[in-house]
């Protein structure tokens, strides 16, 4: 064996087994989430003490489970997963029966009355459409892909995106972009849908192993820290990494809470770059950093986050949430504070005294950009 052959053999071995490992992780994650949704629905329909928990079932479950990946919001989405894809049941049950590890652990679960065999007895008529097989859905689309499809009520439209995502090996961001730009509707109105399809495939962002395994769902599933899900070569991630230290070093009462904080709005997940609580101002401070020139949608997004925190997270004795948007492009820097209905005079006279100034942020961006 010569050196070139040795090199190629090692690379091929690495790539093949890496792909297999990533596929296995995503398959297990998808199966877990569907099964949890199934368990919840079965309990809601047949549980002996279901009336005791009623509408508070998911919050009670989350409190008892005490696991980040099994939060109330996630449990709600898992239940939606089951309702959206009931046809996965038979395929999942068959896979469980071929896996001694799954079989022994799940059958010994605390829900003793729930038999895995019950999954197989799901009414076959529940399969709304037959175009995409359960095997392809689970093996060729990650759970993060599927999450983008849950809100689509029209089964034909949902199947269209499933097929296109599988055939085009779309990344999650590409699938999300195509849904947002109404690719399904545009295809229906196009005089030459095949030409549109070819153009879309040529320009589409492809998925790869890193795209799949860096999903926050995967990292939570594996019990890793959320910030580890960020690729090291991501410019925004590199800036956020140092921005966290920058904010804390300034003092002024900043207490770090989370990075890439995931929130659920209308069954869609969003991620806030940095979340702090300011002990002097008694309010949350949300920071978004974009390695791009300012765009109106950036401010709109930040204001949405601020409004969410004011409505869902802020306690009665807290002051209104503050949002800080940092945009950077060579030669032009911008810092914008999201007030979200806050009295501007109060913000200027009280809040801004405790926050970093616009110039401090600009200096930070310049300094970090020169290091990259």
Protein backbone atom coordinates (compact mmCIF):
# COMPACT_ATOMS: atom_id res chain seq x y z
CA UNK A 1 0.00 0.00 0.00
CA UNK A 2 1.47 3.37 -1.05
CA UNK A 3 0.98 6.68 0.77
CA UNK A 4 -1.69 8.02 -1.60
CA UNK A 5 -3.73 4.87 -1.17
CA UNK A 6 -3.37 5.07 2.60
CA UNK A 7 -4.55 8.70 2.56
CA UNK A 8 -7.56 7.97 0.36
CA UNK A 9 -8.52 4.92 2.39
CA UNK A 10 -8.47 6.86 5.66
CA UNK A 11 -10.50 9.72 4.18
CA UNK A 12 -13.07 7.35 2.71
CA UNK A 13 -13.37 5.47 5.99
CA UNK A 14 -13.74 8.70 7.94
CA UNK A 15 -16.37 10.14 5.58
CA UNK A 16 -18.44 6.97 5.35
CA UNK A 17 -18.59 6.33 9.09
CA UNK A 18 -19.10 10.00 9.89
CA UNK A 19 -22.11 10.13 7.58
CA UNK A 20 -23.43 6.95 9.15
CA UNK A 21 -23.05 8.40 12.65
CA UNK A 22 -24.80 11.66 11.75
CA UNK A 23 -27.62 9.77 10.08
CA UNK A 24 -28.04 7.55 13.15
CA UNK A 25 -28.17 10.53 15.53
CA UNK A 26 -30.79 12.32 13.44
CA UNK A 27 -32.84 9.16 12.98
CA UNK A 28 -32.85 8.46 16.73
CA UNK A 29 -33.75 12.08 17.49
CA UNK A 30 -36.68 11.97 15.05
CA UNK A 31 -37.94 8.66 16.44
CA UNK A 32 -37.64 9.91 20.03
CA UNK A 33 -39.62 13.07 19.32
CA UNK A 34 -42.38 11.23 17.45
CA UNK A 35 -42.69 8.65 20.23
CA UNK A 36 -42.94 11.35 22.89
CA UNK A 37 -45.71 12.99 20.88
CA UNK A 38 -47.42 9.60 20.61
CA UNK A 39 -47.12 8.97 24.37
CA UNK A 40 -48.61 12.38 25.16
CA UNK A 41 -51.60 11.94 22.82
CA UNK A 42 -52.24 8.41 24.10
CA UNK A 43 -52.19 9.69 27.68
CA UNK A 44 -54.51 12.59 26.82
CA UNK A 45 -56.98 10.10 25.36
CA UNK A 46 -56.62 7.15 27.76
CA UNK A 47 -54.72 8.25 30.86
CA UNK A 48 -56.47 7.29 34.10
CA UNK A 49 -55.65 10.60 35.78
CA UNK A 50 -55.65 12.83 32.70
CA UNK A 51 -58.43 15.01 34.11
CA UNK A 52 -56.19 15.82 37.07
CA UNK A 53 -53.69 17.62 34.81
CA UNK A 54 -55.96 18.72 31.96
CA UNK A 55 -54.68 21.81 30.16
CA UNK A 56 -51.59 21.89 32.40
CA UNK A 57 -50.36 18.46 31.27
CA UNK A 58 -47.37 19.73 29.27
CA UNK A 59 -46.21 22.21 31.89
CA UNK A 60 -46.58 19.52 34.58
CA UNK A 61 -44.61 17.07 32.44
CA UNK A 62 -41.85 19.59 31.77
CA UNK A 63 -41.57 20.38 35.48
CA UNK A 64 -41.32 16.69 36.35
CA UNK A 65 -38.90 15.80 33.53
CA UNK A 66 -36.51 18.73 34.18
CA UNK A 67 -34.61 18.29 30.93
CA UNK A 68 -33.76 21.13 28.55
CA UNK A 69 -34.73 19.17 25.43
CA UNK A 70 -38.04 18.19 27.07
CA UNK A 71 -39.30 21.68 27.80
CA UNK A 72 -42.99 22.55 27.62
CA UNK A 73 -42.49 24.20 24.23
CA UNK A 74 -40.69 21.15 22.84
CA UNK A 75 -43.34 18.77 24.20
CA UNK A 76 -45.97 20.84 22.41
CA UNK A 77 -44.04 20.53 19.14
CA UNK A 78 -43.54 16.77 19.63
CA UNK A 79 -47.30 16.37 19.97
CA UNK A 80 -47.76 18.40 16.80
CA UNK A 81 -45.19 16.12 15.11
CA UNK A 82 -47.31 13.08 15.91
CA UNK A 83 -50.52 14.72 14.63
CA UNK A 84 -48.76 15.88 11.45
CA UNK A 85 -47.10 12.54 10.65
CA UNK A 86 -49.21 9.71 12.14
CA UNK A 87 -48.15 7.50 9.20
CA UNK A 88 -44.65 7.15 10.67
CA UNK A 89 -45.98 4.85 13.40
CA UNK A 90 -45.69 1.49 11.67
CA UNK A 91 -42.18 2.20 10.36
CA UNK A 92 -41.02 3.38 13.79
CA UNK A 93 -42.53 0.37 15.55
CA UNK A 94 -40.82 -2.01 13.13
CA UNK A 95 -37.49 -0.30 13.76
CA UNK A 96 -37.97 -0.50 17.51
CA UNK A 97 -38.70 -4.22 17.28
CA UNK A 98 -35.38 -4.70 15.47
CA UNK A 99 -33.42 -2.82 18.11
CA UNK A 100 -32.84 -4.58 21.42
CA UNK A 101 -31.59 -1.35 23.00
CA UNK A 102 -34.73 0.59 22.09
CA UNK A 103 -36.99 -2.32 22.93
CA UNK A 104 -35.67 -3.00 26.42
CA UNK A 105 -35.46 0.64 27.51
CA UNK A 106 -38.80 1.81 26.12
CA UNK A 107 -40.79 -1.19 27.28
CA UNK A 108 -39.53 -0.56 30.78
CA UNK A 109 -40.67 3.06 30.68
CA UNK A 110 -42.81 4.51 33.45
CA UNK A 111 -45.86 4.32 31.17
CA UNK A 112 -46.25 0.62 31.79
CA UNK A 113 -49.64 0.25 30.15
CA UNK A 114 -48.43 1.66 26.84
CA UNK A 115 -47.45 -1.13 24.47
CA UNK A 116 -45.16 -0.49 21.53
CA UNK A 117 -47.37 -2.88 19.57
CA UNK A 118 -50.21 -0.34 19.82
CA UNK A 119 -48.34 1.93 17.42
CA UNK A 120 -48.69 -0.66 14.66
CA UNK A 121 -52.45 -0.75 15.07
CA UNK A 122 -52.82 2.88 14.01
CA UNK A 123 -55.59 3.19 11.44
CA UNK A 124 -53.97 2.94 8.01
CA UNK A 125 -56.43 5.59 6.78
CA UNK A 126 -54.52 8.08 8.91
CA UNK A 127 -51.92 8.15 6.14
CA UNK A 128 -53.08 11.33 4.46
CA UNK A 129 -50.85 11.04 1.42
CA UNK A 130 -48.63 8.22 0.14
CA UNK A 131 -46.14 10.15 -1.98
CA UNK A 132 -43.24 10.25 0.47
CA UNK A 133 -42.54 7.02 2.33
CA UNK A 134 -42.00 7.08 6.11
CA UNK A 135 -38.53 5.60 5.56
CA UNK A 136 -37.51 8.49 3.31
CA UNK A 137 -38.96 11.08 5.68
CA UNK A 138 -36.98 9.73 8.61
CA UNK A 139 -33.77 8.74 6.85
CA UNK A 140 -33.41 11.62 4.36
CA UNK A 141 -34.78 14.58 6.31
CA UNK A 142 -33.48 15.61 9.70
CA UNK A 143 -35.86 16.47 12.51
CA UNK A 144 -34.81 20.11 12.07
CA UNK A 145 -36.05 19.88 8.46
CA UNK A 146 -39.35 18.40 9.60
CA UNK A 147 -39.91 21.17 12.16
CA UNK A 148 -40.10 23.64 9.27
CA UNK A 149 -42.92 21.57 7.76
CA UNK A 150 -45.14 21.18 10.82
CA UNK A 151 -46.96 24.53 10.39
CA UNK A 152 -48.02 23.65 6.81
CA UNK A 153 -51.64 22.48 7.07
CA UNK A 154 -52.08 21.54 3.41
CA UNK A 155 -50.76 17.95 3.05
CA UNK A 156 -50.14 18.37 -0.69
CA UNK A 157 -48.09 21.49 -0.12
CA UNK A 158 -46.18 19.82 2.70
CA UNK A 159 -45.45 16.75 0.53
CA UNK A 160 -44.22 19.07 -2.24
CA UNK A 161 -41.59 20.56 0.06
CA UNK A 162 -40.67 17.12 1.41
CA UNK A 163 -39.99 15.85 -2.10
CA UNK A 164 -38.07 18.93 -3.19
CA UNK A 165 -35.97 18.97 -0.02
CA UNK A 166 -35.08 15.30 -0.42
CA UNK A 167 -34.32 15.46 -4.15
CA UNK A 168 -32.40 18.71 -3.86
CA UNK A 169 -30.65 17.73 -0.59
CA UNK A 170 -31.64 21.17 0.72
CA UNK A 171 -30.13 22.55 3.87
CA UNK A 172 -32.56 23.53 6.63
CA UNK A 173 -32.06 27.22 5.89
CA UNK A 174 -32.75 26.57 2.20
CA UNK A 175 -36.00 24.75 3.00
CA UNK A 176 -37.02 27.59 5.28
CA UNK A 177 -36.19 30.14 2.59
CA UNK A 178 -38.15 28.32 -0.10
CA UNK A 179 -41.21 28.10 2.12
CA UNK A 180 -40.92 31.80 3.00
CA UNK A 181 -40.62 32.79 -0.68
CA UNK A 182 -43.70 30.72 -1.63
CA UNK A 183 -41.91 28.26 -3.90
CA UNK A 184 -44.96 25.97 -3.92
CA UNK A 185 -47.30 28.77 -5.01
CA UNK A 186 -44.82 30.09 -7.56
CA UNK A 187 -44.43 26.64 -9.01
CA UNK A 188 -48.20 26.33 -9.39
CA UNK A 189 -48.47 29.66 -11.19
CA UNK A 190 -45.39 29.21 -13.39
CA UNK A 191 -45.88 28.53 -17.11
CA UNK A 192 -42.80 26.32 -16.99
CA UNK A 193 -42.58 24.80 -13.48
CA UNK A 194 -39.83 22.39 -14.51
CA UNK A 195 -37.58 25.27 -15.56
CA UNK A 196 -38.31 27.00 -12.25
CA UNK A 197 -37.44 23.77 -10.46
CA UNK A 198 -34.11 23.45 -12.27
CA UNK A 199 -33.19 27.05 -11.51
CA UNK A 200 -34.10 26.51 -7.86
CA UNK A 201 -32.03 23.33 -7.61
CA UNK A 202 -29.01 25.02 -9.18
CA UNK A 203 -29.07 27.87 -6.68
CA UNK A 204 -30.19 25.91 -3.63
CA UNK A 205 -27.92 25.63 -0.60
CA UNK A 206 -27.06 21.98 -0.07
CA UNK A 207 -26.96 20.24 3.28
CA UNK A 208 -23.91 18.49 4.70
CA UNK A 209 -22.94 16.61 7.82
CA UNK A 210 -22.04 19.79 9.70
CA UNK A 211 -25.39 21.37 8.86
CA UNK A 212 -27.19 18.37 10.32
CA UNK A 213 -25.19 17.85 13.48
CA UNK A 214 -24.90 21.53 14.47
CA UNK A 215 -28.69 21.69 14.98
CA UNK A 216 -29.57 22.86 18.50
CA UNK A 217 -32.03 19.95 18.67
CA UNK A 218 -29.17 17.51 18.15
CA UNK A 219 -26.98 19.18 20.75
CA UNK A 220 -29.76 19.18 23.33
CA UNK A 221 -30.47 15.54 22.48
CA UNK A 222 -26.82 14.67 23.10
CA UNK A 223 -26.67 16.74 26.28
CA UNK A 224 -24.13 19.24 24.95
CA UNK A 225 -24.06 22.97 25.63
CA UNK A 226 -26.07 25.06 23.20
CA UNK A 227 -23.19 27.34 22.21
CA UNK A 228 -21.23 24.30 21.01
CA UNK A 229 -23.73 24.05 18.16
CA UNK A 230 -22.15 27.10 16.50
CA UNK A 231 -19.55 26.45 13.82
CA UNK A 232 -16.14 27.88 14.65
CA UNK A 233 -15.75 29.48 11.22
CA UNK A 234 -18.98 31.45 11.56
CA UNK A 235 -18.05 35.16 11.71
CA UNK A 236 -21.13 36.10 13.70
CA UNK A 237 -20.44 33.30 16.16
CA UNK A 238 -16.86 34.48 16.66
CA UNK A 239 -18.07 38.01 17.38
CA UNK A 240 -20.81 36.82 19.73
CA UNK A 241 -18.26 34.70 21.61
CA UNK A 242 -16.21 37.77 22.46
CA UNK A 243 -19.20 40.08 22.80
CA UNK A 244 -20.37 38.07 25.78
CA UNK A 245 -17.06 38.71 27.58
CA UNK A 246 -17.09 42.35 26.46
CA UNK A 247 -20.51 42.94 28.03
CA UNK A 248 -19.58 41.27 31.30
CA UNK A 249 -16.23 43.05 31.58
CA UNK A 250 -17.96 46.42 31.33
CA UNK A 251 -19.66 45.68 34.62
CA UNK A 252 -22.68 47.89 35.20
CA UNK A 253 -24.70 44.96 36.53
CA UNK A 254 -24.80 42.60 33.53
CA UNK A 255 -25.58 38.97 34.48
CA UNK A 256 -25.20 36.41 31.70
CA UNK A 257 -28.21 34.15 31.10
CA UNK A 258 -27.95 32.42 27.72
CA UNK A 259 -26.41 32.34 24.28
CA UNK A 260 -28.41 31.29 21.23
CA UNK A 261 -31.48 31.34 23.48
CA UNK A 262 -34.22 29.39 21.76
CA UNK A 263 -37.77 30.72 21.97
CA UNK A 264 -40.97 29.40 20.41
CA UNK A 265 -43.35 31.83 18.68
CA UNK A 266 -46.35 30.48 16.75
CA UNK A 267 -44.84 26.99 16.54
CA UNK A 268 -41.61 28.33 15.03
CA UNK A 269 -38.26 28.44 16.81
CA UNK A 270 -36.10 31.57 16.93
CA UNK A 271 -32.66 32.08 18.47
CA UNK A 272 -31.50 35.17 20.36
CA UNK A 273 -27.74 35.66 20.20
CA UNK A 274 -27.22 36.78 23.79
CA UNK A 275 -29.50 37.24 26.78
CA UNK A 276 -28.47 39.12 29.93
CA UNK A 277 -30.28 40.25 33.02
CA UNK A 278 -29.28 43.66 34.34
CA UNK A 279 -29.45 43.67 38.13
CA UNK A 280 -29.34 47.49 38.40
CA UNK A 281 -31.93 48.23 35.74
CA UNK A 282 -33.90 45.11 36.74
CA UNK A 283 -34.62 44.09 33.16
CA UNK A 284 -33.54 41.66 30.49
CA UNK A 285 -31.14 42.84 27.81
CA UNK A 286 -31.24 41.02 24.48
CA UNK A 287 -28.35 41.39 22.04
CA UNK A 288 -28.45 40.48 18.33
CA UNK A 289 -25.32 40.72 16.19
CA UNK A 290 -25.44 40.62 12.39
CA UNK A 291 -22.29 40.40 10.26
CA UNK A 292 -24.05 42.41 7.58
CA UNK A 293 -25.19 45.90 6.68
CA UNK A 294 -28.32 47.04 8.52
CA UNK A 295 -31.62 45.80 7.13
CA UNK A 296 -35.08 46.80 8.41
CA UNK A 297 -35.99 43.17 9.08
CA UNK A 298 -33.15 42.96 11.62
CA UNK A 299 -34.78 45.67 13.75
CA UNK A 300 -38.19 44.07 13.29
CA UNK A 301 -36.83 40.72 14.43
CA UNK A 302 -35.22 42.22 17.53
CA UNK A 303 -38.41 44.08 18.43
CA UNK A 304 -40.30 40.80 18.15
CA UNK A 305 -37.89 39.22 20.62
CA UNK A 306 -38.24 42.18 22.99
CA UNK A 307 -42.05 42.03 22.78
CA UNK A 308 -41.92 38.27 23.45
CA UNK A 309 -39.81 38.79 26.57
CA UNK A 310 -42.08 41.56 27.80
CA UNK A 311 -45.16 39.38 27.36
CA UNK A 312 -43.84 35.94 28.30
CA UNK A 313 -40.73 36.27 30.47
CA UNK A 314 -40.78 39.64 32.27
CA UNK A 315 -41.96 39.48 35.85
CA UNK A 316 -44.24 42.07 37.42
CA UNK A 317 -41.40 43.76 39.26
CA UNK A 318 -39.12 43.84 36.20
CA UNK A 319 -38.65 46.87 33.98
CA UNK A 320 -39.33 46.58 30.20
CA UNK A 321 -36.87 44.51 28.18
CA UNK A 322 -34.13 46.25 26.22
CA UNK A 323 -32.88 45.05 22.84
CA UNK A 324 -29.52 45.94 21.30
CA UNK A 325 -28.84 45.35 17.61
CA UNK A 326 -25.28 45.44 16.29
CA UNK A 327 -24.70 45.42 12.54
CA UNK A 328 -21.29 45.42 10.96
CA UNK A 329 -19.94 45.74 7.47
CA UNK A 330 -16.50 46.95 6.51
CA UNK A 331 -16.49 50.73 6.64
CA UNK A 332 -19.93 51.00 8.25
CA UNK A 333 -21.09 50.12 11.74
CA UNK A 334 -24.51 50.55 13.27
CA UNK A 335 -25.90 50.15 16.77
CA UNK A 336 -29.64 50.32 17.38
CA UNK A 337 -31.49 50.09 20.66
CA UNK A 338 -34.94 48.50 20.55
CA UNK A 339 -37.27 50.38 22.86
CA UNK A 340 -40.41 48.29 22.23
CA UNK A 341 -42.86 50.95 23.38
CA UNK A 342 -40.64 52.19 26.20
CA UNK A 343 -40.69 55.89 27.02
CA UNK A 344 -37.73 57.29 25.04
CA UNK A 345 -36.98 60.00 27.58
CA UNK A 346 -36.81 57.42 30.35
CA UNK A 347 -34.55 55.27 28.20
CA UNK A 348 -32.14 58.11 27.45
CA UNK A 349 -31.98 59.52 30.96
CA UNK A 350 -31.89 56.29 32.93
CA UNK A 351 -31.21 53.20 30.86
CA UNK A 352 -28.52 54.48 28.53
CA UNK A 353 -26.39 55.52 31.50
CA UNK A 354 -25.99 51.86 32.47
CA UNK A 355 -25.62 50.41 28.96
CA UNK A 356 -22.51 50.47 26.77
CA UNK A 357 -22.48 53.52 24.51
CA UNK A 358 -22.78 53.31 20.76
CA UNK A 359 -19.10 54.25 20.43
CA UNK A 360 -18.06 51.46 22.79
CA UNK A 361 -19.91 48.97 20.63
CA UNK A 362 -18.37 50.35 17.44
CA UNK A 363 -14.89 50.16 18.96
CA UNK A 364 -15.55 46.55 19.97
CA UNK A 365 -16.70 45.62 16.45
CA UNK A 366 -13.67 47.28 14.88
CA UNK A 367 -11.30 45.56 17.28
CA UNK A 368 -12.83 42.10 16.77
CA UNK A 369 -13.12 42.48 13.01
CA UNK A 370 -9.40 43.16 12.78
CA UNK A 371 -8.70 39.85 14.53
CA UNK A 372 -10.72 37.78 12.06
